[in-house]
Amino acid sequence: ENGKKVDKELRRLCMSAEELSEELRLQGVTELKDIRYAIVETNGQLSIILREGARPATKEDLNNK
């Protein structure tokens, strides 16, 4: 949450910091500070919402001057 891991939530999910790091790497996230928040979905997958400046540029971003 806001670039910091929430240990209480990791314990509740029975997820280690190493497992979290692995999940983030699989989704191309290398820095916790880039994450606005992450959600563990009902199917067990991790959904990540990145901070505004950490999102990759889109085609629309490149066309705006």
Protein backbone atom coordinates (compact mmCIF):
# COMPACT_ATOMS: atom_id res chain seq x y z
CA GLU A 1 0.00 0.00 0.00
CA ASN A 2 1.51 3.32 -1.12
CA GLY A 3 4.89 1.75 -1.81
CA LYS A 4 5.14 -0.14 1.49
CA LYS A 5 4.36 -3.73 2.26
CA VAL A 6 1.74 -4.33 4.92
CA ASP A 7 3.08 -7.16 7.07
CA LYS A 8 -0.28 -7.71 8.78
CA GLU A 9 -1.91 -8.42 5.40
CA LEU A 10 0.93 -10.69 4.30
CA ARG A 11 0.49 -12.73 7.49
CA ARG A 12 -3.29 -12.86 6.97
CA LEU A 13 -2.71 -14.19 3.45
CA CYS A 14 0.02 -16.60 4.61
CA MET A 15 2.35 -14.97 2.06
CA SER A 16 6.02 -14.41 2.73
CA ALA A 17 7.93 -11.30 1.64
CA GLU A 18 9.84 -13.53 -0.79
CA GLU A 19 6.61 -14.77 -2.37
CA LEU A 20 5.40 -11.19 -2.71
CA SER A 21 8.67 -10.17 -4.36
CA GLU A 22 8.42 -13.08 -6.79
CA GLU A 23 4.84 -12.15 -7.73
CA LEU A 24 5.87 -8.53 -8.30
CA ARG A 25 8.82 -9.55 -10.49
CA LEU A 26 6.56 -11.81 -12.57
CA GLN A 27 4.42 -8.75 -13.26
CA GLY A 28 7.42 -6.58 -14.14
CA VAL A 29 7.48 -4.53 -10.93
CA THR A 30 10.94 -4.11 -9.41
CA GLU A 31 10.35 -1.34 -6.87
CA LEU A 32 7.77 -1.33 -4.06
CA LYS A 33 7.72 2.46 -4.23
CA ASP A 34 6.13 2.20 -7.70
CA ILE A 35 3.02 0.50 -6.30
CA ARG A 36 -0.05 2.47 -5.33
CA TYR A 37 -1.76 -0.66 -4.03
CA ALA A 38 -2.07 -4.37 -4.70
CA ILE A 39 -5.06 -6.65 -4.34
CA VAL A 40 -5.17 -10.41 -3.98
CA GLU A 41 -8.10 -11.48 -6.13
CA THR A 42 -10.49 -14.28 -5.21
CA ASN A 43 -8.66 -16.59 -7.64
CA GLY A 44 -5.37 -15.95 -5.79
CA GLN A 45 -3.78 -13.71 -8.42
CA LEU A 46 -2.18 -10.43 -7.44
CA SER A 47 -3.47 -7.31 -9.18
CA ILE A 48 -1.18 -4.29 -9.00
CA ILE A 49 -2.10 -0.64 -9.43
CA LEU A 50 0.99 1.47 -10.12
CA ARG A 51 1.57 5.07 -9.11
CA GLU A 52 0.96 7.68 -11.82
CA GLY A 53 4.65 8.25 -12.65
CA ALA A 54 5.50 4.54 -12.58
CA ARG A 55 3.07 3.43 -15.27
CA PRO A 56 4.52 2.67 -18.70
CA ALA A 57 3.75 5.27 -21.35
CA THR A 58 0.77 4.46 -23.53
CA LYS A 59 0.17 5.36 -27.14
CA GLU A 60 -2.18 8.11 -25.97
CA ASP A 61 0.52 9.52 -23.64
CA LEU A 62 2.96 9.73 -26.53
CA ASN A 63 0.48 11.55 -28.77
CA ASN A 64 -0.25 14.23 -26.14
CA LYS A 65 2.13 17.16 -26.20
